[in-house]
Amino acid sequence: MLAFGTNNDEITASSPTAPFLLSMTDNPDNELSIIIAFAKQGEKGEGLDLTGFPPEIANKAKDLLLESYPVYEDPEQIYEIRFKDYVIYQCRNESYTCWDDSEVRKGNT
């Protein structure tokens, strides 16, 4: 069971990565429903398919991806969080970014 304000060690031990947001809905009755699935790790190099990529990109990516572990939704760990009443909520799309040369970056990938 998830408990707000605690570490939830029993859950994070089996899924150390961030959960997947499967759906988020609200309705006119002011009820908010959030469905998440915890992540599970696949096998090293699993699901590697670079079909359609230019050879120079595919060759560089292959070496990196062969040493990586894919992350999938765990169908055995899906939870619904339901708020019967709420005042406001905010969604953030963290996959969007703008390049800014003044930002400090580390790493090579």
PDB file of N, CA and C in Angstrom:
ATOM      1  N   MET A   1       0.838  -1.178   0.000  1.00  0.00           N
ATOM      2  CA  MET A   1       0.000   0.000   0.000  1.00  0.00           C
ATOM      3  C   MET A   1       0.887   1.245   0.000  1.00  0.00           C
ATOM      4  N   LEU A   2       0.537   2.206  -0.801  1.00  0.00           N
ATOM      5  CA  LEU A   2       1.241   3.475  -0.828  1.00  0.00           C
ATOM      6  C   LEU A   2       0.783   4.338   0.337  1.00  0.00           C
ATOM      7  N   ALA A   3       1.707   5.012   0.980  1.00  0.00           N
ATOM      8  CA  ALA A   3       1.350   5.912   2.067  1.00  0.00           C
ATOM      9  C   ALA A   3       2.070   7.233   1.844  1.00  0.00           C
ATOM     10  N   PHE A   4       1.318   8.309   1.736  1.00  0.00           N
ATOM     11  CA  PHE A   4       1.910   9.617   1.538  1.00  0.00           C
ATOM     12  C   PHE A   4       2.677  10.023   2.787  1.00  0.00           C
ATOM     13  N   GLY A   5       3.834  10.659   2.603  1.00  0.00           N
ATOM     14  CA  GLY A   5       4.636  11.127   3.709  1.00  0.00           C
ATOM     15  C   GLY A   5       5.570  10.088   4.290  1.00  0.00           C
ATOM     16  N   THR A   6       5.667   8.912   3.665  1.00  0.00           N
ATOM     17  CA  THR A   6       6.589   7.879   4.136  1.00  0.00           C
ATOM     18  C   THR A   6       7.512   7.495   2.987  1.00  0.00           C
ATOM     19  N   ASN A   7       8.536   6.699   3.287  1.00  0.00           N
ATOM     20  CA  ASN A   7       9.490   6.278   2.263  1.00  0.00           C
ATOM     21  C   ASN A   7       8.943   5.197   1.350  1.00  0.00           C
ATOM     22  N   ASN A   8       7.933   4.445   1.796  1.00  0.00           N
ATOM     23  CA  ASN A   8       7.374   3.341   1.010  1.00  0.00           C
ATOM     24  C   ASN A   8       8.471   2.379   0.549  1.00  0.00           C
ATOM     25  N   ASP A   9       9.346   2.000   1.489  1.00  0.00           N
ATOM     26  CA  ASP A   9      10.503   1.164   1.173  1.00  0.00           C
ATOM     27  C   ASP A   9      10.137  -0.158   0.523  1.00  0.00           C
ATOM     28  N   GLU A  10       9.042  -0.774   0.949  1.00  0.00           N
ATOM     29  CA  GLU A  10       8.662  -2.066   0.376  1.00  0.00           C
ATOM     30  C   GLU A  10       8.295  -1.952  -1.097  1.00  0.00           C
ATOM     31  N   ILE A  11       7.851  -0.794  -1.525  1.00  0.00           N
ATOM     32  CA  ILE A  11       7.499  -0.591  -2.930  1.00  0.00           C
ATOM     33  C   ILE A  11       8.710  -0.134  -3.725  1.00  0.00           C
ATOM     34  N   THR A  12       9.462   0.831  -3.204  1.00  0.00           N
ATOM     35  CA  THR A  12      10.617   1.335  -3.947  1.00  0.00           C
ATOM     36  C   THR A  12      11.721   0.295  -4.073  1.00  0.00           C
ATOM     37  N   ALA A  13      11.760  -0.678  -3.178  1.00  0.00           N
ATOM     38  CA  ALA A  13      12.766  -1.737  -3.283  1.00  0.00           C
ATOM     39  C   ALA A  13      12.534  -2.591  -4.521  1.00  0.00           C
ATOM     40  N   SER A  14      11.271  -2.805  -4.891  1.00  0.00           N
ATOM     41  CA  SER A  14      10.975  -3.621  -6.071  1.00  0.00           C
ATOM     42  C   SER A  14      10.875  -2.787  -7.336  1.00  0.00           C
ATOM     43  N   SER A  15      10.820  -1.478  -7.223  1.00  0.00           N
ATOM     44  CA  SER A  15      10.714  -0.603  -8.387  1.00  0.00           C
ATOM     45  C   SER A  15      11.456   0.699  -8.111  1.00  0.00           C
ATOM     46  N   PRO A  16      12.804   0.693  -8.249  1.00  0.00           N
ATOM     47  CA  PRO A  16      13.584   1.876  -7.893  1.00  0.00           C
ATOM     48  C   PRO A  16      13.465   3.035  -8.881  1.00  0.00           C
ATOM     49  N   THR A  17      12.842   2.814 -10.030  1.00  0.00           N
ATOM     50  CA  THR A  17      12.701   3.888 -11.011  1.00  0.00           C
ATOM     51  C   THR A  17      11.333   4.546 -10.880  1.00  0.00           C
ATOM     52  N   ALA A  18      11.184   5.678 -11.508  1.00  0.00           N
ATOM     53  CA  ALA A  18       9.933   6.423 -11.442  1.00  0.00           C
ATOM     54  C   ALA A  18       8.792   5.643 -12.084  1.00  0.00           C
ATOM     55  N   PRO A  19       7.587   5.808 -11.579  1.00  0.00           N
ATOM     56  CA  PRO A  19       6.445   5.092 -12.168  1.00  0.00           C
ATOM     57  C   PRO A  19       6.019   5.699 -13.502  1.00  0.00           C
ATOM     58  N   PHE A  20       5.251   4.913 -14.259  1.00  0.00           N
ATOM     59  CA  PHE A  20       4.648   5.370 -15.501  1.00  0.00           C
ATOM     60  C   PHE A  20       3.268   5.927 -15.201  1.00  0.00           C
ATOM     61  N   LEU A  21       2.945   7.062 -15.767  1.00  0.00           N
ATOM     62  CA  LEU A  21       1.590   7.595 -15.664  1.00  0.00           C
ATOM     63  C   LEU A  21       0.782   6.979 -16.798  1.00  0.00           C
ATOM     64  N   LEU A  22      -0.208   6.155 -16.453  1.00  0.00           N
ATOM     65  CA  LEU A  22      -1.023   5.502 -17.481  1.00  0.00           C
ATOM     66  C   LEU A  22      -2.198   6.367 -17.896  1.00  0.00           C
ATOM     67  N   SER A  23      -2.841   7.004 -16.919  1.00  0.00           N
ATOM     68  CA  SER A  23      -3.938   7.906 -17.265  1.00  0.00           C
ATOM     69  C   SER A  23      -4.209   8.864 -16.120  1.00  0.00           C
ATOM     70  N   MET A  24      -4.787   9.979 -16.497  1.00  0.00           N
ATOM     71  CA  MET A  24      -5.177  10.985 -15.522  1.00  0.00           C
ATOM     72  C   MET A  24      -6.460  11.606 -16.035  1.00  0.00           C
ATOM     73  N   THR A  25      -7.520  11.481 -15.274  1.00  0.00           N
ATOM     74  CA  THR A  25      -8.812  11.992 -15.732  1.00  0.00           C
ATOM     75  C   THR A  25      -9.487  12.770 -14.610  1.00  0.00           C
ATOM     76  N   ASP A  26     -10.227  13.765 -15.016  1.00  0.00           N
ATOM     77  CA  ASP A  26     -11.103  14.448 -14.069  1.00  0.00           C
ATOM     78  C   ASP A  26     -12.474  14.538 -14.710  1.00  0.00           C
ATOM     79  N   ASN A  27     -13.478  14.689 -13.882  1.00  0.00           N
ATOM     80  CA  ASN A  27     -14.830  14.732 -14.419  1.00  0.00           C
ATOM     81  C   ASN A  27     -15.576  15.928 -13.845  1.00  0.00           C
ATOM     82  N   PRO A  28     -16.758  16.212 -14.361  1.00  0.00           N
ATOM     83  CA  PRO A  28     -17.513  17.383 -13.894  1.00  0.00           C
ATOM     84  C   PRO A  28     -17.881  17.341 -12.408  1.00  0.00           C
ATOM     85  N   ASP A  29     -17.841  16.144 -11.788  1.00  0.00           N
ATOM     86  CA  ASP A  29     -18.165  16.033 -10.363  1.00  0.00           C
ATOM     87  C   ASP A  29     -16.979  16.388  -9.476  1.00  0.00           C
ATOM     88  N   ASN A  30     -15.934  16.941 -10.061  1.00  0.00           N
ATOM     89  CA  ASN A  30     -14.746  17.384  -9.330  1.00  0.00           C
ATOM     90  C   ASN A  30     -14.008  16.215  -8.685  1.00  0.00           C
ATOM     91  N   GLU A  31     -13.885  15.107  -9.425  1.00  0.00           N
ATOM     92  CA  GLU A  31     -13.145  13.944  -8.961  1.00  0.00           C
ATOM     93  C   GLU A  31     -11.951  13.733  -9.889  1.00  0.00           C
ATOM     94  N   LEU A  32     -10.786  13.482  -9.305  1.00  0.00           N
ATOM     95  CA  LEU A  32      -9.557  13.301 -10.070  1.00  0.00           C
ATOM     96  C   LEU A  32      -9.064  11.872  -9.876  1.00  0.00           C
ATOM     97  N   SER A  33      -8.779  11.187 -10.978  1.00  0.00           N
ATOM     98  CA  SER A  33      -8.284   9.809 -10.931  1.00  0.00           C
ATOM     99  C   SER A  33      -6.949   9.735 -11.664  1.00  0.00           C
ATOM    100  N   ILE A  34      -5.930   9.194 -10.968  1.00  0.00           N
ATOM    101  CA  ILE A  34      -4.594   9.043 -11.533  1.00  0.00           C
ATOM    102  C   ILE A  34      -4.241   7.561 -11.478  1.00  0.00           C
ATOM    103  N   ILE A  35      -3.895   6.968 -12.614  1.00  0.00           N
ATOM    104  CA  ILE A  35      -3.515   5.560 -12.646  1.00  0.00           C
ATOM    105  C   ILE A  35      -2.044   5.476 -13.028  1.00  0.00           C
ATOM    106  N   ILE A  36      -1.269   4.813 -12.161  1.00  0.00           N
ATOM    107  CA  ILE A  36       0.168   4.664 -12.386  1.00  0.00           C
ATOM    108  C   ILE A  36       0.544   3.188 -12.389  1.00  0.00           C
ATOM    109  N   ALA A  37       1.636   2.881 -13.063  1.00  0.00           N
ATOM    110  CA  ALA A  37       2.216   1.532 -13.024  1.00  0.00           C
ATOM    111  C   ALA A  37       3.666   1.683 -12.615  1.00  0.00           C
ATOM    112  N   PHE A  38       4.087   0.869 -11.668  1.00  0.00           N
ATOM    113  CA  PHE A  38       5.499   0.890 -11.304  1.00  0.00           C
ATOM    114  C   PHE A  38       6.306   0.253 -12.421  1.00  0.00           C
ATOM    115  N   ALA A  39       7.585   0.522 -12.408  1.00  0.00           N
ATOM    116  CA  ALA A  39       8.468   0.067 -13.479  1.00  0.00           C
ATOM    117  C   ALA A  39       9.142  -1.246 -13.106  1.00  0.00           C
ATOM    118  N   LYS A  40       9.475  -2.015 -14.136  1.00  0.00           N
ATOM    119  CA  LYS A  40      10.309  -3.199 -13.934  1.00  0.00           C
ATOM    120  C   LYS A  40      11.426  -3.152 -14.962  1.00  0.00           C
ATOM    121  N   GLN A  41      12.544  -3.686 -14.589  1.00  0.00           N
ATOM    122  CA  GLN A  41      13.729  -3.649 -15.444  1.00  0.00           C
ATOM    123  C   GLN A  41      13.792  -4.895 -16.305  1.00  0.00           C
ATOM    124  N   GLY A  42      14.063  -4.711 -17.603  1.00  0.00           N
ATOM    125  CA  GLY A  42      14.239  -5.828 -18.522  1.00  0.00           C
ATOM    126  C   GLY A  42      15.674  -6.337 -18.478  1.00  0.00           C
ATOM    127  N   GLU A  43      15.980  -7.216 -19.396  1.00  0.00           N
ATOM    128  CA  GLU A  43      17.325  -7.782 -19.491  1.00  0.00           C
ATOM    129  C   GLU A  43      18.258  -6.844 -20.256  1.00  0.00           C
ATOM    130  N   LYS A  44      19.520  -6.906 -19.969  1.00  0.00           N
ATOM    131  CA  LYS A  44      20.532  -6.064 -20.611  1.00  0.00           C
ATOM    132  C   LYS A  44      20.490  -6.249 -22.124  1.00  0.00           C
ATOM    133  N   GLY A  45      20.361  -5.159 -22.875  1.00  0.00           N
ATOM    134  CA  GLY A  45      20.353  -5.197 -24.328  1.00  0.00           C
ATOM    135  C   GLY A  45      19.060  -5.697 -24.949  1.00  0.00           C
ATOM    136  N   GLU A  46      18.047  -5.973 -24.131  1.00  0.00           N
ATOM    137  CA  GLU A  46      16.775  -6.528 -24.620  1.00  0.00           C
ATOM    138  C   GLU A  46      16.016  -5.516 -25.490  1.00  0.00           C
ATOM    139  N   GLY A  47      15.378  -5.999 -26.523  1.00  0.00           N
ATOM    140  CA  GLY A  47      14.519  -5.169 -27.353  1.00  0.00           C
ATOM    141  C   GLY A  47      15.254  -4.184 -28.235  1.00  0.00           C
ATOM    142  N   LEU A  48      16.506  -4.427 -28.486  1.00  0.00           N
ATOM    143  CA  LEU A  48      17.309  -3.508 -29.288  1.00  0.00           C
ATOM    144  C   LEU A  48      16.904  -3.613 -30.756  1.00  0.00           C
ATOM    145  N   ASP A  49      16.326  -2.553 -31.284  1.00  0.00           N
ATOM    146  CA  ASP A  49      15.919  -2.528 -32.685  1.00  0.00           C
ATOM    147  C   ASP A  49      16.237  -1.152 -33.252  1.00  0.00           C
ATOM    148  N   LEU A  50      17.236  -1.089 -34.087  1.00  0.00           N
ATOM    149  CA  LEU A  50      17.666   0.183 -34.671  1.00  0.00           C
ATOM    150  C   LEU A  50      17.324   0.262 -36.150  1.00  0.00           C
ATOM    151  N   THR A  51      16.361  -0.549 -36.568  1.00  0.00           N
ATOM    152  CA  THR A  51      15.906  -0.532 -37.963  1.00  0.00           C
ATOM    153  C   THR A  51      15.408   0.865 -38.336  1.00  0.00           C
ATOM    154  N   GLY A  52      15.847   1.339 -39.463  1.00  0.00           N
ATOM    155  CA  GLY A  52      15.392   2.638 -39.944  1.00  0.00           C
ATOM    156  C   GLY A  52      16.300   3.799 -39.566  1.00  0.00           C
ATOM    157  N   PHE A  53      17.246   3.574 -38.655  1.00  0.00           N
ATOM    158  CA  PHE A  53      18.187   4.630 -38.308  1.00  0.00           C
ATOM    159  C   PHE A  53      19.340   4.634 -39.306  1.00  0.00           C
ATOM    160  N   PRO A  54      19.891   5.795 -39.607  1.00  0.00           N
ATOM    161  CA  PRO A  54      21.079   5.837 -40.469  1.00  0.00           C
ATOM    162  C   PRO A  54      22.213   5.035 -39.824  1.00  0.00           C
ATOM    163  N   PRO A  55      23.041   4.359 -40.628  1.00  0.00           N
ATOM    164  CA  PRO A  55      24.094   3.491 -40.081  1.00  0.00           C
ATOM    165  C   PRO A  55      25.028   4.177 -39.086  1.00  0.00           C
ATOM    166  N   GLU A  56      25.401   5.430 -39.336  1.00  0.00           N
ATOM    167  CA  GLU A  56      26.326   6.107 -38.419  1.00  0.00           C
ATOM    168  C   GLU A  56      25.696   6.320 -37.042  1.00  0.00           C
ATOM    169  N   ILE A  57      24.396   6.562 -36.998  1.00  0.00           N
ATOM    170  CA  ILE A  57      23.698   6.708 -35.715  1.00  0.00           C
ATOM    171  C   ILE A  57      23.479   5.341 -35.083  1.00  0.00           C
ATOM    172  N   ALA A  58      23.060   4.373 -35.870  1.00  0.00           N
ATOM    173  CA  ALA A  58      22.793   3.028 -35.355  1.00  0.00           C
ATOM    174  C   ALA A  58      24.041   2.416 -34.737  1.00  0.00           C
ATOM    175  N   ASN A  59      25.200   2.593 -35.361  1.00  0.00           N
ATOM    176  CA  ASN A  59      26.437   2.023 -34.836  1.00  0.00           C
ATOM    177  C   ASN A  59      26.827   2.629 -33.490  1.00  0.00           C
ATOM    178  N   LYS A  60      26.663   3.951 -33.357  1.00  0.00           N
ATOM    179  CA  LYS A  60      26.979   4.610 -32.095  1.00  0.00           C
ATOM    180  C   LYS A  60      25.987   4.212 -31.008  1.00  0.00           C
ATOM    181  N   ALA A  61      24.729   4.160 -31.358  1.00  0.00           N
ATOM    182  CA  ALA A  61      23.686   3.831 -30.384  1.00  0.00           C
ATOM    183  C   ALA A  61      23.755   2.376 -29.948  1.00  0.00           C
ATOM    184  N   LYS A  62      24.135   1.480 -30.857  1.00  0.00           N
ATOM    185  CA  LYS A  62      24.155   0.046 -30.547  1.00  0.00           C
ATOM    186  C   LYS A  62      25.082  -0.256 -29.379  1.00  0.00           C
ATOM    187  N   ASP A  63      26.293   0.288 -29.395  1.00  0.00           N
ATOM    188  CA  ASP A  63      27.247   0.049 -28.311  1.00  0.00           C
ATOM    189  C   ASP A  63      26.689   0.525 -26.966  1.00  0.00           C
ATOM    190  N   LEU A  64      26.064   1.663 -26.973  1.00  0.00           N
ATOM    191  CA  LEU A  64      25.496   2.219 -25.749  1.00  0.00           C
ATOM    192  C   LEU A  64      24.300   1.385 -25.274  1.00  0.00           C
ATOM    193  N   LEU A  65      23.408   1.052 -26.190  1.00  0.00           N
ATOM    194  CA  LEU A  65      22.188   0.340 -25.822  1.00  0.00           C
ATOM    195  C   LEU A  65      22.427  -1.111 -25.434  1.00  0.00           C
ATOM    196  N   LEU A  66      23.463  -1.729 -25.966  1.00  0.00           N
ATOM    197  CA  LEU A  66      23.762  -3.109 -25.574  1.00  0.00           C
ATOM    198  C   LEU A  66      24.170  -3.209 -24.107  1.00  0.00           C
ATOM    199  N   GLU A  67      24.621  -2.095 -23.531  1.00  0.00           N
ATOM    200  CA  GLU A  67      25.002  -2.073 -22.118  1.00  0.00           C
ATOM    201  C   GLU A  67      23.903  -1.487 -21.234  1.00  0.00           C
ATOM    202  N   SER A  68      22.731  -1.240 -21.818  1.00  0.00           N
ATOM    203  CA  SER A  68      21.635  -0.611 -21.081  1.00  0.00           C
ATOM    204  C   SER A  68      20.543  -1.622 -20.759  1.00  0.00           C
ATOM    205  N   TYR A  69      19.741  -1.286 -19.760  1.00  0.00           N
ATOM    206  CA  TYR A  69      18.605  -2.109 -19.358  1.00  0.00           C
ATOM    207  C   TYR A  69      17.321  -1.365 -19.690  1.00  0.00           C
ATOM    208  N   PRO A  70      16.414  -1.969 -20.457  1.00  0.00           N
ATOM    209  CA  PRO A  70      15.144  -1.300 -20.737  1.00  0.00           C
ATOM    210  C   PRO A  70      14.262  -1.276 -19.491  1.00  0.00           C
ATOM    211  N   VAL A  71      13.365  -0.324 -19.423  1.00  0.00           N
ATOM    212  CA  VAL A  71      12.425  -0.204 -18.312  1.00  0.00           C
ATOM    213  C   VAL A  71      11.024  -0.288 -18.897  1.00  0.00           C
ATOM    214  N   TYR A  72      10.194  -1.165 -18.308  1.00  0.00           N
ATOM    215  CA  TYR A  72       8.836  -1.398 -18.790  1.00  0.00           C
ATOM    216  C   TYR A  72       7.831  -1.132 -17.677  1.00  0.00           C
ATOM    217  N   GLU A  73       6.565  -0.956 -18.065  1.00  0.00           N
ATOM    218  CA  GLU A  73       5.483  -0.913 -17.086  1.00  0.00           C
ATOM    219  C   GLU A  73       5.322  -2.302 -16.494  1.00  0.00           C
ATOM    220  N   ASP A  74       5.113  -2.384 -15.193  1.00  0.00           N
ATOM    221  CA  ASP A  74       4.873  -3.664 -14.534  1.00  0.00           C
ATOM    222  C   ASP A  74       3.366  -3.856 -14.402  1.00  0.00           C
ATOM    223  N   PRO A  75       2.764  -4.762 -15.181  1.00  0.00           N
ATOM    224  CA  PRO A  75       1.309  -4.940 -15.133  1.00  0.00           C
ATOM    225  C   PRO A  75       0.816  -5.507 -13.798  1.00  0.00           C
ATOM    226  N   GLU A  76       1.737  -5.981 -12.964  1.00  0.00           N
ATOM    227  CA  GLU A  76       1.341  -6.506 -11.658  1.00  0.00           C
ATOM    228  C   GLU A  76       1.368  -5.438 -10.567  1.00  0.00           C
ATOM    229  N   GLN A  77       1.820  -4.244 -10.910  1.00  0.00           N
ATOM    230  CA  GLN A  77       1.895  -3.156  -9.926  1.00  0.00           C
ATOM    231  C   GLN A  77       1.250  -1.895 -10.500  1.00  0.00           C
ATOM    232  N   ILE A  78      -0.055  -1.944 -10.689  1.00  0.00           N
ATOM    233  CA  ILE A  78      -0.817  -0.799 -11.185  1.00  0.00           C
ATOM    234  C   ILE A  78      -1.689  -0.284 -10.036  1.00  0.00           C
ATOM    235  N   TYR A  79      -1.667   1.012  -9.841  1.00  0.00           N
ATOM    236  CA  TYR A  79      -2.410   1.618  -8.737  1.00  0.00           C
ATOM    237  C   TYR A  79      -3.241   2.786  -9.250  1.00  0.00           C
ATOM    238  N   GLU A  80      -4.374   2.987  -8.596  1.00  0.00           N
ATOM    239  CA  GLU A  80      -5.212   4.145  -8.885  1.00  0.00           C
ATOM    240  C   GLU A  80      -5.229   5.037  -7.657  1.00  0.00           C
ATOM    241  N   ILE A  81      -4.966   6.300  -7.886  1.00  0.00           N
ATOM    242  CA  ILE A  81      -5.050   7.305  -6.824  1.00  0.00           C
ATOM    243  C   ILE A  81      -6.265   8.161  -7.166  1.00  0.00           C
ATOM    244  N   ARG A  82      -7.211   8.207  -6.254  1.00  0.00           N
ATOM    245  CA  ARG A  82      -8.453   8.925  -6.542  1.00  0.00           C
ATOM    246  C   ARG A  82      -8.681  10.009  -5.494  1.00  0.00           C
ATOM    247  N   PHE A  83      -8.921  11.203  -5.982  1.00  0.00           N
ATOM    248  CA  PHE A  83      -9.277  12.331  -5.131  1.00  0.00           C
ATOM    249  C   PHE A  83     -10.747  12.622  -5.370  1.00  0.00           C
ATOM    250  N   LYS A  84     -11.559  12.430  -4.344  1.00  0.00           N
ATOM    251  CA  LYS A  84     -13.007  12.648  -4.481  1.00  0.00           C
ATOM    252  C   LYS A  84     -13.328  14.135  -4.676  1.00  0.00           C
ATOM    253  N   ASP A  85     -12.521  14.982  -4.086  1.00  0.00           N
ATOM    254  CA  ASP A  85     -12.665  16.432  -4.242  1.00  0.00           C
ATOM    255  C   ASP A  85     -11.279  17.043  -4.370  1.00  0.00           C
ATOM    256  N   TYR A  86     -11.146  18.035  -5.188  1.00  0.00           N
ATOM    257  CA  TYR A  86      -9.879  18.751  -5.297  1.00  0.00           C
ATOM    258  C   TYR A  86     -10.150  20.178  -5.706  1.00  0.00           C
ATOM    259  N   VAL A  87      -9.194  21.040  -5.430  1.00  0.00           N
ATOM    260  CA  VAL A  87      -9.336  22.445  -5.777  1.00  0.00           C
ATOM    261  C   VAL A  87      -8.611  22.720  -7.087  1.00  0.00           C
ATOM    262  N   ILE A  88      -7.363  22.239  -7.199  1.00  0.00           N
ATOM    263  CA  ILE A  88      -6.568  22.494  -8.389  1.00  0.00           C
ATOM    264  C   ILE A  88      -5.480  21.432  -8.501  1.00  0.00           C
ATOM    265  N   TYR A  89      -5.047  21.146  -9.709  1.00  0.00           N
ATOM    266  CA  TYR A  89      -3.882  20.294  -9.920  1.00  0.00           C
ATOM    267  C   TYR A  89      -3.121  20.829 -11.124  1.00  0.00           C
ATOM    268  N   GLN A  90      -1.846  20.477 -11.201  1.00  0.00           N
ATOM    269  CA  GLN A  90      -0.993  20.962 -12.276  1.00  0.00           C
ATOM    270  C   GLN A  90      -0.273  19.789 -12.920  1.00  0.00           C
ATOM    271  N   CYS A  91      -0.213  19.775 -14.243  1.00  0.00           N
ATOM    272  CA  CYS A  91       0.529  18.746 -14.983  1.00  0.00           C
ATOM    273  C   CYS A  91       1.785  19.381 -15.561  1.00  0.00           C
ATOM    274  N   ARG A  92       2.874  18.621 -15.514  1.00  0.00           N
ATOM    275  CA  ARG A  92       4.144  19.081 -16.082  1.00  0.00           C
ATOM    276  C   ARG A  92       4.645  18.063 -17.072  1.00  0.00           C
ATOM    277  N   ASN A  93       5.001  18.512 -18.231  1.00  0.00           N
ATOM    278  CA  ASN A  93       5.591  17.632 -19.228  1.00  0.00           C
ATOM    279  C   ASN A  93       7.103  17.804 -19.144  1.00  0.00           C
ATOM    280  N   GLU A  94       7.754  16.855 -18.458  1.00  0.00           N
ATOM    281  CA  GLU A  94       9.192  16.966 -18.254  1.00  0.00           C
ATOM    282  C   GLU A  94       9.996  16.434 -19.433  1.00  0.00           C
ATOM    283  N   SER A  95       9.329  15.942 -20.463  1.00  0.00           N
ATOM    284  CA  SER A  95      10.055  15.446 -21.629  1.00  0.00           C
ATOM    285  C   SER A  95      10.341  16.568 -22.625  1.00  0.00           C
ATOM    286  N   TYR A  96       9.827  17.739 -22.381  1.00  0.00           N
ATOM    287  CA  TYR A  96      10.046  18.877 -23.275  1.00  0.00           C
ATOM    288  C   TYR A  96      11.167  19.738 -22.718  1.00  0.00           C
ATOM    289  N   THR A  97      12.043  20.154 -23.569  1.00  0.00           N
ATOM    290  CA  THR A  97      13.128  21.022 -23.122  1.00  0.00           C
ATOM    291  C   THR A  97      13.528  21.976 -24.246  1.00  0.00           C
ATOM    292  N   CYS A  98      14.112  23.072 -23.873  1.00  0.00           N
ATOM    293  CA  CYS A  98      14.697  24.022 -24.826  1.00  0.00           C
ATOM    294  C   CYS A  98      16.195  24.078 -24.546  1.00  0.00           C
ATOM    295  N   TRP A  99      16.975  24.030 -25.579  1.00  0.00           N
ATOM    296  CA  TRP A  99      18.427  24.080 -25.425  1.00  0.00           C
ATOM    297  C   TRP A  99      18.833  25.468 -24.989  1.00  0.00           C
ATOM    298  N   ASP A 100      19.654  25.522 -23.951  1.00  0.00           N
ATOM    299  CA  ASP A 100      20.141  26.798 -23.443  1.00  0.00           C
ATOM    300  C   ASP A 100      21.644  26.657 -23.215  1.00  0.00           C
ATOM    301  N   ASP A 101      22.458  27.392 -23.994  1.00  0.00           N
ATOM    302  CA  ASP A 101      23.919  27.280 -23.898  1.00  0.00           C
ATOM    303  C   ASP A 101      24.469  27.694 -22.541  1.00  0.00           C
ATOM    304  N   SER A 102      23.704  28.428 -21.749  1.00  0.00           N
ATOM    305  CA  SER A 102      24.203  28.858 -20.440  1.00  0.00           C
ATOM    306  C   SER A 102      24.051  27.774 -19.375  1.00  0.00           C
ATOM    307  N   GLU A 103      23.313  26.681 -19.668  1.00  0.00           N
ATOM    308  CA  GLU A 103      23.133  25.592 -18.700  1.00  0.00           C
ATOM    309  C   GLU A 103      24.379  24.735 -18.632  1.00  0.00           C
ATOM    310  N   VAL A 104      24.682  24.242 -17.445  1.00  0.00           N
ATOM    311  CA  VAL A 104      25.832  23.378 -17.226  1.00  0.00           C
ATOM    312  C   VAL A 104      25.389  21.937 -17.413  1.00  0.00           C
ATOM    313  N   ARG A 105      26.112  21.171 -18.235  1.00  0.00           N
ATOM    314  CA  ARG A 105      25.765  19.783 -18.496  1.00  0.00           C
ATOM    315  C   ARG A 105      26.965  18.900 -18.180  1.00  0.00           C
ATOM    316  N   LYS A 106      26.671  17.651 -17.789  1.00  0.00           N
ATOM    317  CA  LYS A 106      27.717  16.674 -17.543  1.00  0.00           C
ATOM    318  C   LYS A 106      27.357  15.416 -18.304  1.00  0.00           C
ATOM    319  N   GLY A 107      28.366  14.619 -18.643  1.00  0.00           N
ATOM    320  CA  GLY A 107      28.112  13.353 -19.322  1.00  0.00           C
ATOM    321  C   GLY A 107      28.408  13.444 -20.801  1.00  0.00           C
ATOM    322  N   ASN A 108      28.248  12.310 -21.475  1.00  0.00           N
ATOM    323  CA  ASN A 108      28.568  12.286 -22.902  1.00  0.00           C
ATOM    324  C   ASN A 108      27.454  11.674 -23.739  1.00  0.00           C
ATOM    325  N   THR A 109      26.291  11.425 -23.162  1.00  0.00           N
ATOM    326  CA  THR A 109      25.188  10.857 -23.953  1.00  0.00           C
ATOM    327  C   THR A 109      23.927  11.670 -23.755  1.00  0.00           C
TER     328      THR A 109
END
